[in-house]
């Protein structure tokens, strides 16, 4: 599908107070991340290269031990396998993340469930 609207993408909960809406091609994935105040993406790493930008509000982002408050228009790069985390601050925040290659663990959460054969 070459066109869609971000608000038409079905969200899924990544963790308490963190929701994602994704769109993906074969080699790149776009993820809209909504962080509620206090919502957290726990420390983790993955083999995917990740680049992003603050779209709305502000949130704390820690990349390889370095912490920054990301606001609208701020951009960031998270290299493959680097530990990082995020935390919502005092208002709702939205970030746009780009992954290459697409994250299969996100894709499986948005696919319809297979029929159980009944």
N, C-alpha and C. Protein backbone atom coordinates (compact mmCIF):
# COMPACT_ATOMS: atom_id res chain seq x y z
N UNK A 1 0.85 -1.17 0.00
CA UNK A 1 0.00 0.00 0.00
C UNK A 1 0.90 1.23 0.00
N UNK A 2 0.84 2.03 -1.05
CA UNK A 2 1.73 3.19 -1.13
C UNK A 2 1.24 4.41 -0.34
N UNK A 3 -0.04 4.46 0.05
CA UNK A 3 -0.57 5.61 0.77
C UNK A 3 -1.39 5.14 1.97
N UNK A 4 -1.33 5.92 3.03
CA UNK A 4 -2.15 5.66 4.22
C UNK A 4 -2.16 6.92 5.05
N UNK A 5 -2.86 6.89 6.17
CA UNK A 5 -2.84 8.00 7.14
C UNK A 5 -2.37 7.43 8.47
N UNK A 6 -1.54 8.17 9.19
CA UNK A 6 -1.01 7.65 10.44
C UNK A 6 -2.12 7.34 11.42
N UNK A 7 -3.18 8.15 11.43
CA UNK A 7 -4.27 7.90 12.39
C UNK A 7 -5.17 6.75 11.96
N UNK A 8 -4.97 6.21 10.76
CA UNK A 8 -5.71 5.03 10.32
C UNK A 8 -4.94 3.74 10.64
N UNK A 9 -3.67 3.87 11.00
CA UNK A 9 -2.87 2.70 11.35
C UNK A 9 -3.29 2.21 12.73
N UNK A 10 -3.48 0.90 12.88
CA UNK A 10 -3.95 0.34 14.14
C UNK A 10 -2.81 0.33 15.16
N UNK A 11 -3.00 1.01 16.31
CA UNK A 11 -1.93 1.05 17.31
C UNK A 11 -1.84 -0.26 18.10
N UNK A 12 -0.65 -0.52 18.62
CA UNK A 12 -0.49 -1.60 19.59
C UNK A 12 0.36 -1.08 20.74
N UNK A 13 0.14 -1.66 21.92
CA UNK A 13 0.85 -1.22 23.12
C UNK A 13 2.19 -1.93 23.21
N UNK A 14 3.26 -1.14 23.25
CA UNK A 14 4.60 -1.69 23.39
C UNK A 14 4.91 -1.96 24.86
N UNK A 15 4.54 -1.02 25.73
CA UNK A 15 4.68 -1.15 27.17
C UNK A 15 3.70 -0.17 27.80
N UNK A 16 3.59 -0.15 29.13
CA UNK A 16 2.65 0.76 29.78
C UNK A 16 2.92 2.20 29.35
N UNK A 17 1.91 2.83 28.78
CA UNK A 17 2.02 4.22 28.38
C UNK A 17 2.77 4.47 27.09
N UNK A 18 3.02 3.41 26.30
CA UNK A 18 3.74 3.56 25.03
C UNK A 18 2.99 2.78 23.95
N UNK A 19 2.55 3.51 22.90
CA UNK A 19 1.82 2.88 21.80
C UNK A 19 2.54 3.16 20.48
N UNK A 20 2.45 2.19 19.57
CA UNK A 20 3.09 2.30 18.26
C UNK A 20 2.07 2.15 17.15
N UNK A 21 2.30 2.85 16.05
CA UNK A 21 1.58 2.67 14.79
C UNK A 21 2.67 2.52 13.74
N UNK A 22 2.63 1.45 12.96
CA UNK A 22 3.72 1.22 12.01
C UNK A 22 3.23 1.10 10.58
N UNK A 23 4.12 1.42 9.67
CA UNK A 23 3.95 1.15 8.25
C UNK A 23 5.30 0.65 7.77
N UNK A 24 5.28 -0.40 6.93
CA UNK A 24 6.55 -1.00 6.55
C UNK A 24 6.58 -1.36 5.08
N UNK A 25 7.77 -1.24 4.52
CA UNK A 25 8.08 -1.77 3.20
C UNK A 25 8.96 -2.99 3.40
N UNK A 26 9.64 -3.41 2.35
CA UNK A 26 10.50 -4.58 2.45
C UNK A 26 11.78 -4.30 3.22
N UNK A 27 12.33 -3.07 3.10
CA UNK A 27 13.64 -2.78 3.69
C UNK A 27 13.65 -1.63 4.69
N UNK A 28 12.51 -0.99 4.89
CA UNK A 28 12.45 0.12 5.83
C UNK A 28 11.08 0.14 6.51
N UNK A 29 11.07 0.58 7.78
CA UNK A 29 9.85 0.64 8.57
C UNK A 29 9.74 2.01 9.23
N UNK A 30 8.52 2.54 9.25
CA UNK A 30 8.22 3.78 9.93
C UNK A 30 7.36 3.45 11.15
N UNK A 31 7.70 4.03 12.28
CA UNK A 31 6.96 3.78 13.51
C UNK A 31 6.65 5.10 14.19
N UNK A 32 5.36 5.37 14.42
CA UNK A 32 4.95 6.53 15.19
C UNK A 32 4.81 6.06 16.63
N UNK A 33 5.58 6.64 17.53
CA UNK A 33 5.61 6.24 18.93
C UNK A 33 4.93 7.32 19.76
N UNK A 34 3.91 6.94 20.52
CA UNK A 34 3.25 7.87 21.44
C UNK A 34 3.62 7.47 22.86
N UNK A 35 4.21 8.42 23.59
CA UNK A 35 4.60 8.19 24.99
C UNK A 35 3.71 9.05 25.88
N UNK A 36 2.97 8.42 26.77
CA UNK A 36 2.21 9.16 27.77
C UNK A 36 3.18 9.65 28.85
N UNK A 37 2.77 10.63 29.66
CA UNK A 37 3.63 11.04 30.77
C UNK A 37 4.00 9.81 31.62
N UNK A 38 5.29 9.61 31.84
CA UNK A 38 5.76 8.47 32.62
C UNK A 38 5.85 7.16 31.86
N UNK A 39 5.35 7.11 30.62
CA UNK A 39 5.46 5.89 29.82
C UNK A 39 6.93 5.60 29.53
N UNK A 40 7.30 4.32 29.55
CA UNK A 40 8.70 3.97 29.38
C UNK A 40 8.92 2.88 28.34
N UNK A 41 9.95 3.07 27.54
CA UNK A 41 10.49 2.01 26.69
C UNK A 41 11.74 1.55 27.43
N UNK A 42 11.71 0.35 28.02
CA UNK A 42 12.85 -0.10 28.82
C UNK A 42 14.14 -0.21 28.00
N UNK A 43 15.24 -0.18 28.70
CA UNK A 43 16.55 -0.32 28.06
C UNK A 43 16.59 -1.60 27.23
N UNK A 44 17.05 -1.48 25.98
CA UNK A 44 17.11 -2.62 25.07
C UNK A 44 18.06 -2.31 23.92
N UNK A 45 18.31 -3.28 23.10
CA UNK A 45 19.08 -3.08 21.86
C UNK A 45 18.52 -4.03 20.82
N UNK A 46 18.84 -3.77 19.56
CA UNK A 46 18.39 -4.62 18.47
C UNK A 46 19.34 -4.44 17.30
N UNK A 47 19.36 -5.38 16.37
CA UNK A 47 20.30 -5.28 15.24
C UNK A 47 19.91 -4.24 14.20
N UNK A 48 18.71 -3.70 14.30
CA UNK A 48 18.21 -2.73 13.32
C UNK A 48 18.83 -1.36 13.58
N UNK A 49 19.18 -0.65 12.52
CA UNK A 49 19.58 0.74 12.65
C UNK A 49 18.29 1.55 12.83
N UNK A 50 18.33 2.53 13.72
CA UNK A 50 17.14 3.32 14.05
C UNK A 50 17.48 4.81 13.97
N UNK A 51 16.62 5.55 13.32
CA UNK A 51 16.76 7.00 13.25
C UNK A 51 15.40 7.58 13.58
N UNK A 52 15.38 8.72 14.24
CA UNK A 52 14.09 9.27 14.61
C UNK A 52 14.09 10.77 14.77
N UNK A 53 12.88 11.28 15.07
CA UNK A 53 12.68 12.71 15.24
C UNK A 53 11.52 12.96 16.21
N UNK A 54 11.68 13.95 17.07
CA UNK A 54 10.58 14.37 17.91
C UNK A 54 9.54 15.10 17.07
N UNK A 55 8.27 14.74 17.24
CA UNK A 55 7.18 15.32 16.45
C UNK A 55 6.30 16.22 17.31
N UNK A 56 6.08 15.81 18.56
CA UNK A 56 5.17 16.54 19.45
C UNK A 56 5.63 16.33 20.88
N UNK A 57 5.50 17.34 21.73
CA UNK A 57 5.87 17.21 23.14
C UNK A 57 7.36 16.98 23.30
N UNK A 58 7.73 16.36 24.42
CA UNK A 58 9.13 16.05 24.68
C UNK A 58 9.24 14.77 25.48
N UNK A 59 10.38 14.09 25.35
CA UNK A 59 10.64 12.85 26.07
C UNK A 59 12.14 12.72 26.29
N UNK A 60 12.51 11.93 27.27
CA UNK A 60 13.92 11.67 27.54
C UNK A 60 14.35 10.44 26.74
N UNK A 61 15.46 10.54 26.05
CA UNK A 61 16.03 9.44 25.29
C UNK A 61 17.45 9.21 25.78
N UNK A 62 17.78 7.97 26.10
CA UNK A 62 19.13 7.61 26.54
C UNK A 62 19.70 6.67 25.49
N UNK A 63 20.83 7.06 24.89
CA UNK A 63 21.51 6.24 23.89
C UNK A 63 22.92 5.98 24.39
N UNK A 64 23.23 4.71 24.63
CA UNK A 64 24.57 4.31 25.07
C UNK A 64 25.02 5.13 26.29
N UNK A 65 24.08 5.32 27.24
CA UNK A 65 24.39 6.02 28.48
C UNK A 65 24.29 7.53 28.42
N UNK A 66 24.10 8.11 27.24
CA UNK A 66 23.98 9.57 27.10
C UNK A 66 22.51 9.96 27.01
N UNK A 67 22.08 10.85 27.91
CA UNK A 67 20.68 11.24 28.01
C UNK A 67 20.46 12.62 27.38
N UNK A 68 19.34 12.74 26.65
CA UNK A 68 18.92 14.02 26.07
C UNK A 68 17.40 14.11 26.15
N UNK A 69 16.91 15.33 26.28
CA UNK A 69 15.48 15.57 26.14
C UNK A 69 15.24 15.88 24.67
N UNK A 70 14.38 15.10 24.04
CA UNK A 70 14.05 15.26 22.62
C UNK A 70 12.75 16.05 22.53
N UNK A 71 12.82 17.13 21.75
CA UNK A 71 11.66 17.99 21.52
C UNK A 71 11.33 18.00 20.03
N UNK A 72 10.23 18.60 19.67
CA UNK A 72 9.82 18.68 18.27
C UNK A 72 10.98 19.20 17.40
N UNK A 73 11.29 18.44 16.36
CA UNK A 73 12.34 18.83 15.43
C UNK A 73 13.71 18.26 15.75
N UNK A 74 13.92 17.76 16.98
CA UNK A 74 15.21 17.12 17.31
C UNK A 74 15.28 15.76 16.62
N UNK A 75 16.46 15.43 16.09
CA UNK A 75 16.65 14.14 15.42
C UNK A 75 17.72 13.34 16.13
N UNK A 76 17.68 12.02 15.95
CA UNK A 76 18.64 11.14 16.62
C UNK A 76 18.91 9.92 15.75
N UNK A 77 20.07 9.30 16.02
CA UNK A 77 20.47 8.07 15.33
C UNK A 77 20.92 7.08 16.39
N UNK A 78 20.37 5.87 16.31
CA UNK A 78 20.75 4.79 17.21
C UNK A 78 21.35 3.68 16.35
N UNK A 79 22.67 3.50 16.41
CA UNK A 79 23.30 2.46 15.60
C UNK A 79 22.85 1.05 16.02
N UNK A 80 23.08 0.09 15.16
CA UNK A 80 22.74 -1.31 15.45
C UNK A 80 23.37 -1.75 16.77
N UNK A 81 22.60 -2.49 17.54
CA UNK A 81 23.06 -3.15 18.77
C UNK A 81 23.49 -2.20 19.89
N UNK A 82 23.11 -0.93 19.83
CA UNK A 82 23.44 0.02 20.89
C UNK A 82 22.27 0.08 21.88
N UNK A 83 22.58 0.00 23.17
CA UNK A 83 21.56 0.02 24.22
C UNK A 83 20.94 1.42 24.30
N UNK A 84 19.59 1.46 24.40
CA UNK A 84 18.88 2.71 24.49
C UNK A 84 17.54 2.53 25.21
N UNK A 85 16.97 3.64 25.66
CA UNK A 85 15.67 3.61 26.35
C UNK A 85 15.02 4.99 26.16
N UNK A 86 13.72 5.07 26.49
CA UNK A 86 13.00 6.34 26.39
C UNK A 86 11.99 6.43 27.53
N UNK A 87 11.68 7.68 27.91
CA UNK A 87 10.72 7.90 29.00
C UNK A 87 9.94 9.17 28.71
N UNK A 88 8.60 9.06 28.81
CA UNK A 88 7.73 10.21 28.66
C UNK A 88 7.91 11.16 29.83
N UNK A 89 7.82 12.45 29.58
CA UNK A 89 7.97 13.45 30.63
C UNK A 89 6.60 13.92 31.10
N UNK A 90 6.36 15.22 31.21
CA UNK A 90 5.12 15.70 31.83
C UNK A 90 3.95 15.87 30.88
N UNK A 91 4.14 15.60 29.59
CA UNK A 91 3.04 15.69 28.65
C UNK A 91 3.20 14.60 27.59
N UNK A 92 2.13 14.32 26.87
CA UNK A 92 2.19 13.32 25.81
C UNK A 92 3.23 13.74 24.78
N UNK A 93 3.98 12.76 24.28
CA UNK A 93 4.98 13.03 23.25
C UNK A 93 4.79 12.05 22.11
N UNK A 94 5.14 12.50 20.90
CA UNK A 94 5.10 11.64 19.72
C UNK A 94 6.45 11.74 19.03
N UNK A 95 6.98 10.57 18.66
CA UNK A 95 8.22 10.50 17.90
C UNK A 95 7.97 9.70 16.63
N UNK A 96 8.75 9.98 15.62
CA UNK A 96 8.72 9.19 14.39
C UNK A 96 10.04 8.44 14.34
N UNK A 97 9.99 7.11 14.36
CA UNK A 97 11.19 6.28 14.26
C UNK A 97 11.21 5.57 12.92
N UNK A 98 12.39 5.45 12.35
CA UNK A 98 12.61 4.73 11.10
C UNK A 98 13.58 3.60 11.40
N UNK A 99 13.24 2.39 10.96
CA UNK A 99 14.10 1.22 11.18
C UNK A 99 14.50 0.61 9.85
N UNK A 100 15.75 0.16 9.80
CA UNK A 100 16.21 -0.61 8.65
C UNK A 100 17.12 -1.72 9.18
N UNK A 101 16.81 -2.97 8.86
CA UNK A 101 15.61 -3.43 8.17
C UNK A 101 14.39 -3.34 9.09
N UNK A 102 13.19 -3.61 8.56
CA UNK A 102 11.99 -3.58 9.40
C UNK A 102 12.10 -4.56 10.58
N UNK A 103 11.46 -4.20 11.67
CA UNK A 103 11.47 -5.05 12.87
C UNK A 103 10.36 -6.10 12.77
N UNK A 104 10.75 -7.33 12.61
CA UNK A 104 9.79 -8.43 12.52
C UNK A 104 8.94 -8.53 13.80
N UNK A 105 9.54 -8.24 14.97
CA UNK A 105 8.78 -8.32 16.22
C UNK A 105 7.64 -7.30 16.25
N UNK A 106 7.75 -6.20 15.54
CA UNK A 106 6.65 -5.25 15.43
C UNK A 106 5.64 -5.71 14.38
N UNK A 107 6.13 -6.22 13.27
CA UNK A 107 5.24 -6.67 12.20
C UNK A 107 4.29 -7.76 12.67
N UNK A 108 4.77 -8.71 13.44
CA UNK A 108 3.90 -9.81 13.88
C UNK A 108 2.81 -9.31 14.82
N UNK A 109 3.01 -8.19 15.47
CA UNK A 109 1.99 -7.65 16.38
C UNK A 109 0.88 -6.91 15.64
N UNK A 110 1.08 -6.65 14.35
CA UNK A 110 0.07 -5.92 13.59
C UNK A 110 -0.63 -6.81 12.56
N UNK A 111 -0.14 -8.04 12.39
CA UNK A 111 -0.79 -8.95 11.44
C UNK A 111 -2.04 -9.54 12.05
N UNK A 112 -3.07 -9.75 11.23
CA UNK A 112 -4.28 -10.40 11.76
C UNK A 112 -3.95 -11.81 12.25
N UNK A 113 -4.65 -12.23 13.27
CA UNK A 113 -4.46 -13.58 13.79
C UNK A 113 -4.91 -14.61 12.75
N UNK A 114 -4.17 -15.70 12.66
CA UNK A 114 -4.54 -16.77 11.75
C UNK A 114 -5.78 -17.47 12.26
N UNK A 115 -6.66 -17.91 11.37
CA UNK A 115 -7.85 -18.64 11.81
C UNK A 115 -7.44 -19.91 12.55
N UNK A 116 -8.22 -20.28 13.56
CA UNK A 116 -7.85 -21.45 14.37
C UNK A 116 -8.34 -22.77 13.76
N UNK A 117 -8.92 -22.70 12.59
CA UNK A 117 -9.33 -23.95 11.93
C UNK A 117 -10.74 -24.40 12.25
N UNK A 118 -11.44 -23.66 13.10
CA UNK A 118 -12.83 -24.05 13.45
C UNK A 118 -13.81 -23.57 12.43
